[in-house]
Amino acid sequence: MDKKELQKLEDEHNRKLRDLERLEMDLDDDFHKFSRETDHLLEALSYACRDCSFAEIQPYIYEIENNLDGYHQLYKNRIENVLEARHQENKNYYKQVEERKV
């Protein structure tokens, strides 16, 4: 493999890794924003219902918390997918480099 081919392969590999890193950062940002907004919603609900008994607002709080838990699980699954994609990209890159050395 000549230097030009190797450079092209490396550039493409680095581009894919940057894309995956950007995706991971976007997922992190979205999760933290969702979590923050959920906290604000819970605070607003508690404040708005300060004269109510906990039993009256409990179903709403649980529903909001369940939604946050569901989103957290979705976030973790997506992060795992990004990590797996990064692993596969690295594996494929090194395999291609080795194949072209021969």
PDB file of N, CA and C in Angstrom:
ATOM      1  N   MET A   1       0.852  -1.173   0.000  1.00  0.00           N
ATOM      2  CA  MET A   1       0.000   0.000   0.000  1.00  0.00           C
ATOM      3  C   MET A   1       0.896   1.233   0.000  1.00  0.00           C
ATOM      4  N   ASP A   2       0.611   2.153  -0.884  1.00  0.00           N
ATOM      5  CA  ASP A   2       1.430   3.359  -0.912  1.00  0.00           C
ATOM      6  C   ASP A   2       0.914   4.372   0.119  1.00  0.00           C
ATOM      7  N   LYS A   3       1.694   5.409   0.306  1.00  0.00           N
ATOM      8  CA  LYS A   3       1.362   6.398   1.334  1.00  0.00           C
ATOM      9  C   LYS A   3       0.044   7.111   1.049  1.00  0.00           C
ATOM     10  N   LYS A   4      -0.242   7.319  -0.220  1.00  0.00           N
ATOM     11  CA  LYS A   4      -1.470   8.012  -0.594  1.00  0.00           C
ATOM     12  C   LYS A   4      -2.703   7.184  -0.204  1.00  0.00           C
ATOM     13  N   GLU A   5      -2.658   5.890  -0.496  1.00  0.00           N
ATOM     14  CA  GLU A   5      -3.765   4.996  -0.123  1.00  0.00           C
ATOM     15  C   GLU A   5      -3.926   4.933   1.389  1.00  0.00           C
ATOM     16  N   LEU A   6      -2.803   4.798   2.066  1.00  0.00           N
ATOM     17  CA  LEU A   6      -2.831   4.733   3.525  1.00  0.00           C
ATOM     18  C   LEU A   6      -3.399   6.026   4.107  1.00  0.00           C
ATOM     19  N   GLN A   7      -2.994   7.154   3.568  1.00  0.00           N
ATOM     20  CA  GLN A   7      -3.491   8.440   4.058  1.00  0.00           C
ATOM     21  C   GLN A   7      -4.988   8.577   3.830  1.00  0.00           C
ATOM     22  N   LYS A   8      -5.446   8.131   2.676  1.00  0.00           N
ATOM     23  CA  LYS A   8      -6.874   8.181   2.363  1.00  0.00           C
ATOM     24  C   LYS A   8      -7.669   7.313   3.335  1.00  0.00           C
ATOM     25  N   LEU A   9      -7.167   6.113   3.577  1.00  0.00           N
ATOM     26  CA  LEU A   9      -7.807   5.196   4.511  1.00  0.00           C
ATOM     27  C   LEU A   9      -7.831   5.787   5.922  1.00  0.00           C
ATOM     28  N   GLU A  10      -6.729   6.358   6.328  1.00  0.00           N
ATOM     29  CA  GLU A  10      -6.626   6.965   7.658  1.00  0.00           C
ATOM     30  C   GLU A  10      -7.555   8.180   7.782  1.00  0.00           C
ATOM     31  N   ASP A  11      -7.614   8.999   6.757  1.00  0.00           N
ATOM     32  CA  ASP A  11      -8.496  10.171   6.785  1.00  0.00           C
ATOM     33  C   ASP A  11      -9.958   9.759   6.934  1.00  0.00           C
ATOM     34  N   GLU A  12     -10.354   8.737   6.185  1.00  0.00           N
ATOM     35  CA  GLU A  12     -11.732   8.244   6.262  1.00  0.00           C
ATOM     36  C   GLU A  12     -12.015   7.667   7.651  1.00  0.00           C
ATOM     37  N   HIS A  13     -11.077   6.951   8.180  1.00  0.00           N
ATOM     38  CA  HIS A  13     -11.215   6.379   9.525  1.00  0.00           C
ATOM     39  C   HIS A  13     -11.371   7.498  10.561  1.00  0.00           C
ATOM     40  N   ASN A  14     -10.522   8.496  10.478  1.00  0.00           N
ATOM     41  CA  ASN A  14     -10.591   9.611  11.428  1.00  0.00           C
ATOM     42  C   ASN A  14     -11.901  10.389  11.299  1.00  0.00           C
ATOM     43  N   ARG A  15     -12.404  10.542  10.080  1.00  0.00           N
ATOM     44  CA  ARG A  15     -13.679  11.219   9.874  1.00  0.00           C
ATOM     45  C   ARG A  15     -14.806  10.444  10.555  1.00  0.00           C
ATOM     46  N   LYS A  16     -14.808   9.139  10.392  1.00  0.00           N
ATOM     47  CA  LYS A  16     -15.841   8.307  11.012  1.00  0.00           C
ATOM     48  C   LYS A  16     -15.761   8.383  12.538  1.00  0.00           C
ATOM     49  N   LEU A  17     -14.544   8.369  13.063  1.00  0.00           N
ATOM     50  CA  LEU A  17     -14.388   8.472  14.516  1.00  0.00           C
ATOM     51  C   LEU A  17     -14.862   9.825  15.032  1.00  0.00           C
ATOM     52  N   ARG A  18     -14.574  10.893  14.296  1.00  0.00           N
ATOM     53  CA  ARG A  18     -15.051  12.232  14.694  1.00  0.00           C
ATOM     54  C   ARG A  18     -16.579  12.281  14.672  1.00  0.00           C
ATOM     55  N   ASP A  19     -17.179  11.686  13.651  1.00  0.00           N
ATOM     56  CA  ASP A  19     -18.641  11.641  13.568  1.00  0.00           C
ATOM     57  C   ASP A  19     -19.234  10.895  14.759  1.00  0.00           C
ATOM     58  N   LEU A  20     -18.623   9.804  15.123  1.00  0.00           N
ATOM     59  CA  LEU A  20     -19.106   9.032  16.274  1.00  0.00           C
ATOM     60  C   LEU A  20     -18.918   9.813  17.575  1.00  0.00           C
ATOM     61  N   GLU A  21     -17.807  10.507  17.688  1.00  0.00           N
ATOM     62  CA  GLU A  21     -17.574  11.317  18.888  1.00  0.00           C
ATOM     63  C   GLU A  21     -18.601  12.448  18.973  1.00  0.00           C
ATOM     64  N   ARG A  22     -18.885  13.066  17.845  1.00  0.00           N
ATOM     65  CA  ARG A  22     -19.889  14.135  17.803  1.00  0.00           C
ATOM     66  C   ARG A  22     -21.261  13.591  18.190  1.00  0.00           C
ATOM     67  N   LEU A  23     -21.592  12.422  17.692  1.00  0.00           N
ATOM     68  CA  LEU A  23     -22.856  11.793  18.034  1.00  0.00           C
ATOM     69  C   LEU A  23     -22.941  11.511  19.533  1.00  0.00           C
ATOM     70  N   GLU A  24     -21.856  10.999  20.082  1.00  0.00           N
ATOM     71  CA  GLU A  24     -21.826  10.711  21.523  1.00  0.00           C
ATOM     72  C   GLU A  24     -22.015  11.990  22.338  1.00  0.00           C
ATOM     73  N   MET A  25     -21.354  13.063  21.923  1.00  0.00           N
ATOM     74  CA  MET A  25     -21.493  14.340  22.626  1.00  0.00           C
ATOM     75  C   MET A  25     -22.916  14.876  22.514  1.00  0.00           C
ATOM     76  N   ASP A  26     -23.524  14.733  21.337  1.00  0.00           N
ATOM     77  CA  ASP A  26     -24.913  15.173  21.160  1.00  0.00           C
ATOM     78  C   ASP A  26     -25.855  14.364  22.049  1.00  0.00           C
ATOM     79  N   LEU A  27     -25.632  13.067  22.131  1.00  0.00           N
ATOM     80  CA  LEU A  27     -26.456  12.232  23.009  1.00  0.00           C
ATOM     81  C   LEU A  27     -26.297  12.649  24.466  1.00  0.00           C
ATOM     82  N   ASP A  28     -25.062  12.923  24.878  1.00  0.00           N
ATOM     83  CA  ASP A  28     -24.815  13.390  26.248  1.00  0.00           C
ATOM     84  C   ASP A  28     -25.524  14.713  26.515  1.00  0.00           C
ATOM     85  N   ASP A  29     -25.389  15.636  25.590  1.00  0.00           N
ATOM     86  CA  ASP A  29     -26.031  16.941  25.751  1.00  0.00           C
ATOM     87  C   ASP A  29     -27.551  16.803  25.843  1.00  0.00           C
ATOM     88  N   ASP A  30     -28.116  15.991  24.952  1.00  0.00           N
ATOM     89  CA  ASP A  30     -29.564  15.789  24.962  1.00  0.00           C
ATOM     90  C   ASP A  30     -30.028  15.158  26.264  1.00  0.00           C
ATOM     91  N   PHE A  31     -29.271  14.174  26.750  1.00  0.00           N
ATOM     92  CA  PHE A  31     -29.672  13.527  28.002  1.00  0.00           C
ATOM     93  C   PHE A  31     -29.622  14.509  29.161  1.00  0.00           C
ATOM     94  N   HIS A  32     -28.564  15.295  29.248  1.00  0.00           N
ATOM     95  CA  HIS A  32     -28.443  16.240  30.364  1.00  0.00           C
ATOM     96  C   HIS A  32     -29.526  17.321  30.279  1.00  0.00           C
ATOM     97  N   LYS A  33     -29.852  17.743  29.076  1.00  0.00           N
ATOM     98  CA  LYS A  33     -30.925  18.721  28.904  1.00  0.00           C
ATOM     99  C   LYS A  33     -32.256  18.115  29.347  1.00  0.00           C
ATOM    100  N   PHE A  34     -32.540  16.891  28.918  1.00  0.00           N
ATOM    101  CA  PHE A  34     -33.780  16.216  29.293  1.00  0.00           C
ATOM    102  C   PHE A  34     -33.857  16.048  30.808  1.00  0.00           C
ATOM    103  N   SER A  35     -32.760  15.650  31.415  1.00  0.00           N
ATOM    104  CA  SER A  35     -32.711  15.458  32.863  1.00  0.00           C
ATOM    105  C   SER A  35     -32.945  16.781  33.597  1.00  0.00           C
ATOM    106  N   ARG A  36     -32.310  17.831  33.136  1.00  0.00           N
ATOM    107  CA  ARG A  36     -32.470  19.149  33.739  1.00  0.00           C
ATOM    108  C   ARG A  36     -33.912  19.635  33.623  1.00  0.00           C
ATOM    109  N   GLU A  37     -34.496  19.472  32.432  1.00  0.00           N
ATOM    110  CA  GLU A  37     -35.883  19.895  32.225  1.00  0.00           C
ATOM    111  C   GLU A  37     -36.844  19.066  33.081  1.00  0.00           C
ATOM    112  N   THR A  38     -36.540  17.796  33.246  1.00  0.00           N
ATOM    113  CA  THR A  38     -37.373  16.943  34.100  1.00  0.00           C
ATOM    114  C   THR A  38     -37.303  17.423  35.544  1.00  0.00           C
ATOM    115  N   ASP A  39     -36.102  17.768  36.007  1.00  0.00           N
ATOM    116  CA  ASP A  39     -35.954  18.307  37.367  1.00  0.00           C
ATOM    117  C   ASP A  39     -36.771  19.587  37.532  1.00  0.00           C
ATOM    118  N   HIS A  40     -36.715  20.457  36.525  1.00  0.00           N
ATOM    119  CA  HIS A  40     -37.493  21.708  36.589  1.00  0.00           C
ATOM    120  C   HIS A  40     -38.992  21.419  36.622  1.00  0.00           C
ATOM    121  N   LEU A  41     -39.409  20.450  35.839  1.00  0.00           N
ATOM    122  CA  LEU A  41     -40.817  20.072  35.811  1.00  0.00           C
ATOM    123  C   LEU A  41     -41.268  19.533  37.169  1.00  0.00           C
ATOM    124  N   LEU A  42     -40.441  18.704  37.775  1.00  0.00           N
ATOM    125  CA  LEU A  42     -40.778  18.168  39.105  1.00  0.00           C
ATOM    126  C   LEU A  42     -40.843  19.282  40.152  1.00  0.00           C
ATOM    127  N   GLU A  43     -39.914  20.222  40.071  1.00  0.00           N
ATOM    128  CA  GLU A  43     -39.935  21.362  40.993  1.00  0.00           C
ATOM    129  C   GLU A  43     -41.188  22.202  40.791  1.00  0.00           C
ATOM    130  N   ALA A  44     -41.536  22.460  39.526  1.00  0.00           N
ATOM    131  CA  ALA A  44     -42.730  23.255  39.228  1.00  0.00           C
ATOM    132  C   ALA A  44     -43.989  22.543  39.713  1.00  0.00           C
ATOM    133  N   LEU A  45     -44.040  21.240  39.505  1.00  0.00           N
ATOM    134  CA  LEU A  45     -45.193  20.467  39.966  1.00  0.00           C
ATOM    135  C   LEU A  45     -45.294  20.516  41.487  1.00  0.00           C
ATOM    136  N   SER A  46     -44.188  20.342  42.158  1.00  0.00           N
ATOM    137  CA  SER A  46     -44.186  20.394  43.621  1.00  0.00           C
ATOM    138  C   SER A  46     -44.621  21.768  44.126  1.00  0.00           C
ATOM    139  N   TYR A  47     -44.115  22.806  43.474  1.00  0.00           N
ATOM    140  CA  TYR A  47     -44.477  24.168  43.880  1.00  0.00           C
ATOM    141  C   TYR A  47     -45.958  24.438  43.617  1.00  0.00           C
ATOM    142  N   ALA A  48     -46.429  24.049  42.432  1.00  0.00           N
ATOM    143  CA  ALA A  48     -47.831  24.294  42.076  1.00  0.00           C
ATOM    144  C   ALA A  48     -48.786  23.523  42.981  1.00  0.00           C
ATOM    145  N   CYS A  49     -48.343  22.411  43.476  1.00  0.00           N
ATOM    146  CA  CYS A  49     -49.204  21.561  44.306  1.00  0.00           C
ATOM    147  C   CYS A  49     -48.792  21.582  45.772  1.00  0.00           C
ATOM    148  N   ARG A  50     -48.169  22.646  46.189  1.00  0.00           N
ATOM    149  CA  ARG A  50     -47.664  22.710  47.567  1.00  0.00           C
ATOM    150  C   ARG A  50     -48.769  22.595  48.611  1.00  0.00           C
ATOM    151  N   ASP A  51     -49.998  22.960  48.221  1.00  0.00           N
ATOM    152  CA  ASP A  51     -51.119  22.849  49.156  1.00  0.00           C
ATOM    153  C   ASP A  51     -51.850  21.516  49.040  1.00  0.00           C
ATOM    154  N   CYS A  52     -51.386  20.663  48.151  1.00  0.00           N
ATOM    155  CA  CYS A  52     -52.010  19.345  47.957  1.00  0.00           C
ATOM    156  C   CYS A  52     -51.265  18.295  48.777  1.00  0.00           C
ATOM    157  N   SER A  53     -51.939  17.208  49.017  1.00  0.00           N
ATOM    158  CA  SER A  53     -51.257  16.111  49.704  1.00  0.00           C
ATOM    159  C   SER A  53     -50.369  15.384  48.688  1.00  0.00           C
ATOM    160  N   PHE A  54     -49.363  14.715  49.208  1.00  0.00           N
ATOM    161  CA  PHE A  54     -48.452  13.973  48.315  1.00  0.00           C
ATOM    162  C   PHE A  54     -49.212  12.904  47.544  1.00  0.00           C
ATOM    163  N   ALA A  55     -50.197  12.297  48.177  1.00  0.00           N
ATOM    164  CA  ALA A  55     -50.973  11.238  47.526  1.00  0.00           C
ATOM    165  C   ALA A  55     -51.667  11.755  46.265  1.00  0.00           C
ATOM    166  N   GLU A  56     -52.036  13.033  46.260  1.00  0.00           N
ATOM    167  CA  GLU A  56     -52.721  13.602  45.104  1.00  0.00           C
ATOM    168  C   GLU A  56     -51.787  13.799  43.910  1.00  0.00           C
ATOM    169  N   ILE A  57     -50.547  14.147  44.196  1.00  0.00           N
ATOM    170  CA  ILE A  57     -49.605  14.416  43.091  1.00  0.00           C
ATOM    171  C   ILE A  57     -48.676  13.241  42.812  1.00  0.00           C
ATOM    172  N   GLN A  58     -48.677  12.260  43.675  1.00  0.00           N
ATOM    173  CA  GLN A  58     -47.788  11.110  43.538  1.00  0.00           C
ATOM    174  C   GLN A  58     -47.864  10.444  42.159  1.00  0.00           C
ATOM    175  N   PRO A  59     -49.050  10.206  41.586  1.00  0.00           N
ATOM    176  CA  PRO A  59     -49.092   9.556  40.264  1.00  0.00           C
ATOM    177  C   PRO A  59     -48.368  10.372  39.183  1.00  0.00           C
ATOM    178  N   TYR A  60     -48.468  11.692  39.276  1.00  0.00           N
ATOM    179  CA  TYR A  60     -47.821  12.553  38.280  1.00  0.00           C
ATOM    180  C   TYR A  60     -46.298  12.520  38.443  1.00  0.00           C
ATOM    181  N   ILE A  61     -45.858  12.535  39.677  1.00  0.00           N
ATOM    182  CA  ILE A  61     -44.419  12.483  39.947  1.00  0.00           C
ATOM    183  C   ILE A  61     -43.847  11.153  39.464  1.00  0.00           C
ATOM    184  N   TYR A  62     -44.541  10.077  39.766  1.00  0.00           N
ATOM    185  CA  TYR A  62     -44.064   8.770  39.321  1.00  0.00           C
ATOM    186  C   TYR A  62     -44.030   8.672  37.802  1.00  0.00           C
ATOM    187  N   GLU A  63     -45.035   9.233  37.142  1.00  0.00           N
ATOM    188  CA  GLU A  63     -45.073   9.204  35.678  1.00  0.00           C
ATOM    189  C   GLU A  63     -43.882   9.968  35.092  1.00  0.00           C
ATOM    190  N   ILE A  64     -43.590  11.110  35.642  1.00  0.00           N
ATOM    191  CA  ILE A  64     -42.450  11.906  35.172  1.00  0.00           C
ATOM    192  C   ILE A  64     -41.143  11.164  35.427  1.00  0.00           C
ATOM    193  N   GLU A  65     -41.004  10.586  36.615  1.00  0.00           N
ATOM    194  CA  GLU A  65     -39.794   9.835  36.943  1.00  0.00           C
ATOM    195  C   GLU A  65     -39.651   8.597  36.056  1.00  0.00           C
ATOM    196  N   ASN A  66     -40.753   7.940  35.767  1.00  0.00           N
ATOM    197  CA  ASN A  66     -40.708   6.782  34.861  1.00  0.00           C
ATOM    198  C   ASN A  66     -40.282   7.191  33.462  1.00  0.00           C
ATOM    199  N   ASN A  67     -40.766   8.336  33.009  1.00  0.00           N
ATOM    200  CA  ASN A  67     -40.347   8.840  31.698  1.00  0.00           C
ATOM    201  C   ASN A  67     -38.849   9.122  31.676  1.00  0.00           C
ATOM    202  N   LEU A  68     -38.338   9.700  32.758  1.00  0.00           N
ATOM    203  CA  LEU A  68     -36.905   9.960  32.841  1.00  0.00           C
ATOM    204  C   LEU A  68     -36.119   8.654  32.837  1.00  0.00           C
ATOM    205  N   ASP A  69     -36.599   7.667  33.580  1.00  0.00           N
ATOM    206  CA  ASP A  69     -35.933   6.358  33.595  1.00  0.00           C
ATOM    207  C   ASP A  69     -35.938   5.714  32.211  1.00  0.00           C
ATOM    208  N   GLY A  70     -37.060   5.818  31.523  1.00  0.00           N
ATOM    209  CA  GLY A  70     -37.150   5.270  30.169  1.00  0.00           C
ATOM    210  C   GLY A  70     -36.197   5.966  29.217  1.00  0.00           C
ATOM    211  N   TYR A  71     -36.119   7.287  29.334  1.00  0.00           N
ATOM    212  CA  TYR A  71     -35.204   8.036  28.476  1.00  0.00           C
ATOM    213  C   TYR A  71     -33.751   7.687  28.814  1.00  0.00           C
ATOM    214  N   HIS A  72     -33.473   7.502  30.094  1.00  0.00           N
ATOM    215  CA  HIS A  72     -32.122   7.130  30.510  1.00  0.00           C
ATOM    216  C   HIS A  72     -31.721   5.782  29.911  1.00  0.00           C
ATOM    217  N   GLN A  73     -32.646   4.836  29.904  1.00  0.00           N
ATOM    218  CA  GLN A  73     -32.368   3.521  29.308  1.00  0.00           C
ATOM    219  C   GLN A  73     -32.123   3.651  27.811  1.00  0.00           C
ATOM    220  N   LEU A  74     -32.934   4.450  27.146  1.00  0.00           N
ATOM    221  CA  LEU A  74     -32.757   4.699  25.715  1.00  0.00           C
ATOM    222  C   LEU A  74     -31.390   5.336  25.449  1.00  0.00           C
ATOM    223  N   TYR A  75     -31.026   6.295  26.276  1.00  0.00           N
ATOM    224  CA  TYR A  75     -29.719   6.958  26.176  1.00  0.00           C
ATOM    225  C   TYR A  75     -28.584   5.943  26.322  1.00  0.00           C
ATOM    226  N   LYS A  76     -28.669   5.094  27.333  1.00  0.00           N
ATOM    227  CA  LYS A  76     -27.625   4.092  27.546  1.00  0.00           C
ATOM    228  C   LYS A  76     -27.510   3.152  26.357  1.00  0.00           C
ATOM    229  N   ASN A  77     -28.647   2.746  25.802  1.00  0.00           N
ATOM    230  CA  ASN A  77     -28.620   1.864  24.626  1.00  0.00           C
ATOM    231  C   ASN A  77     -27.967   2.555  23.439  1.00  0.00           C
ATOM    232  N   ARG A  78     -28.288   3.822  23.245  1.00  0.00           N
ATOM    233  CA  ARG A  78     -27.696   4.557  22.127  1.00  0.00           C
ATOM    234  C   ARG A  78     -26.198   4.760  22.319  1.00  0.00           C
ATOM    235  N   ILE A  79     -25.778   5.032  23.537  1.00  0.00           N
ATOM    236  CA  ILE A  79     -24.343   5.184  23.826  1.00  0.00           C
ATOM    237  C   ILE A  79     -23.636   3.854  23.572  1.00  0.00           C
ATOM    238  N   GLU A  80     -24.240   2.754  23.992  1.00  0.00           N
ATOM    239  CA  GLU A  80     -23.650   1.441  23.732  1.00  0.00           C
ATOM    240  C   GLU A  80     -23.512   1.199  22.231  1.00  0.00           C
ATOM    241  N   ASN A  81     -24.507   1.624  21.462  1.00  0.00           N
ATOM    242  CA  ASN A  81     -24.434   1.479  20.004  1.00  0.00           C
ATOM    243  C   ASN A  81     -23.283   2.297  19.423  1.00  0.00           C
ATOM    244  N   VAL A  82     -23.082   3.494  19.941  1.00  0.00           N
ATOM    245  CA  VAL A  82     -21.981   4.342  19.472  1.00  0.00           C
ATOM    246  C   VAL A  82     -20.643   3.691  19.823  1.00  0.00           C
ATOM    247  N   LEU A  83     -20.527   3.185  21.034  1.00  0.00           N
ATOM    248  CA  LEU A  83     -19.284   2.537  21.454  1.00  0.00           C
ATOM    249  C   LEU A  83     -19.006   1.298  20.610  1.00  0.00           C
ATOM    250  N   GLU A  84     -20.048   0.541  20.314  1.00  0.00           N
ATOM    251  CA  GLU A  84     -19.892  -0.644  19.469  1.00  0.00           C
ATOM    252  C   GLU A  84     -19.488  -0.236  18.052  1.00  0.00           C
ATOM    253  N   ALA A  85     -20.096   0.821  17.538  1.00  0.00           N
ATOM    254  CA  ALA A  85     -19.745   1.304  16.196  1.00  0.00           C
ATOM    255  C   ALA A  85     -18.290   1.771  16.160  1.00  0.00           C
ATOM    256  N   ARG A  86     -17.838   2.422  17.225  1.00  0.00           N
ATOM    257  CA  ARG A  86     -16.439   2.866  17.301  1.00  0.00           C
ATOM    258  C   ARG A  86     -15.504   1.657  17.320  1.00  0.00           C
ATOM    259  N   HIS A  87     -15.877   0.656  18.100  1.00  0.00           N
ATOM    260  CA  HIS A  87     -15.070  -0.572  18.170  1.00  0.00           C
ATOM    261  C   HIS A  87     -14.989  -1.232  16.798  1.00  0.00           C
ATOM    262  N   GLN A  88     -16.130  -1.340  16.119  1.00  0.00           N
ATOM    263  CA  GLN A  88     -16.154  -1.961  14.796  1.00  0.00           C
ATOM    264  C   GLN A  88     -15.351  -1.155  13.781  1.00  0.00           C
ATOM    265  N   GLU A  89     -15.447   0.160  13.855  1.00  0.00           N
ATOM    266  CA  GLU A  89     -14.682   1.006  12.940  1.00  0.00           C
ATOM    267  C   GLU A  89     -13.185   0.802  13.140  1.00  0.00           C
ATOM    268  N   ASN A  90     -12.751   0.790  14.389  1.00  0.00           N
ATOM    269  CA  ASN A  90     -11.330   0.552  14.662  1.00  0.00           C
ATOM    270  C   ASN A  90     -10.902  -0.829  14.166  1.00  0.00           C
ATOM    271  N   LYS A  91     -11.711  -1.818  14.438  1.00  0.00           N
ATOM    272  CA  LYS A  91     -11.414  -3.182  14.011  1.00  0.00           C
ATOM    273  C   LYS A  91     -11.306  -3.266  12.484  1.00  0.00           C
ATOM    274  N   ASN A  92     -12.274  -2.668  11.791  1.00  0.00           N
ATOM    275  CA  ASN A  92     -12.256  -2.686  10.325  1.00  0.00           C
ATOM    276  C   ASN A  92     -11.057  -1.927   9.761  1.00  0.00           C
ATOM    277  N   TYR A  93     -10.735  -0.805  10.365  1.00  0.00           N
ATOM    278  CA  TYR A  93      -9.603  -0.006   9.901  1.00  0.00           C
ATOM    279  C   TYR A  93      -8.299  -0.805   9.995  1.00  0.00           C
ATOM    280  N   TYR A  94      -8.049  -1.377  11.163  1.00  0.00           N
ATOM    281  CA  TYR A  94      -6.802  -2.120  11.344  1.00  0.00           C
ATOM    282  C   TYR A  94      -6.761  -3.372  10.475  1.00  0.00           C
ATOM    283  N   LYS A  95      -7.915  -3.963  10.251  1.00  0.00           N
ATOM    284  CA  LYS A  95      -7.984  -5.119   9.354  1.00  0.00           C
ATOM    285  C   LYS A  95      -7.626  -4.701   7.928  1.00  0.00           C
ATOM    286  N   GLN A  96      -8.166  -3.585   7.482  1.00  0.00           N
ATOM    287  CA  GLN A  96      -7.856  -3.091   6.139  1.00  0.00           C
ATOM    288  C   GLN A  96      -6.381  -2.732   5.996  1.00  0.00           C
ATOM    289  N   VAL A  97      -5.824  -2.137   7.030  1.00  0.00           N
ATOM    290  CA  VAL A  97      -4.405  -1.785   6.981  1.00  0.00           C
ATOM    291  C   VAL A  97      -3.550  -3.057   6.865  1.00  0.00           C
ATOM    292  N   GLU A  98      -3.904  -4.065   7.649  1.00  0.00           N
ATOM    293  CA  GLU A  98      -3.144  -5.323   7.615  1.00  0.00           C
ATOM    294  C   GLU A  98      -3.299  -6.019   6.273  1.00  0.00           C
ATOM    295  N   GLU A  99      -4.512  -6.014   5.733  1.00  0.00           N
ATOM    296  CA  GLU A  99      -4.750  -6.676   4.439  1.00  0.00           C
ATOM    297  C   GLU A  99      -3.965  -5.996   3.324  1.00  0.00           C
ATOM    298  N   ARG A 100      -3.839  -4.710   3.404  1.00  0.00           N
ATOM    299  CA  ARG A 100      -3.159  -3.972   2.330  1.00  0.00           C
ATOM    300  C   ARG A 100      -1.635  -4.008   2.483  1.00  0.00           C
ATOM    301  N   LYS A 101      -1.159  -4.394   3.637  1.00  0.00           N
ATOM    302  CA  LYS A 101       0.284  -4.535   3.829  1.00  0.00           C
ATOM    303  C   LYS A 101       0.794  -5.771   3.092  1.00  0.00           C
ATOM    304  N   VAL A 102      -0.068  -6.758   3.007  1.00  0.00           N
ATOM    305  CA  VAL A 102       0.333  -8.037   2.402  1.00  0.00           C
ATOM    306  C   VAL A 102       0.508  -7.945   0.928  1.00  0.00           C
TER     307      VAL A 102
END
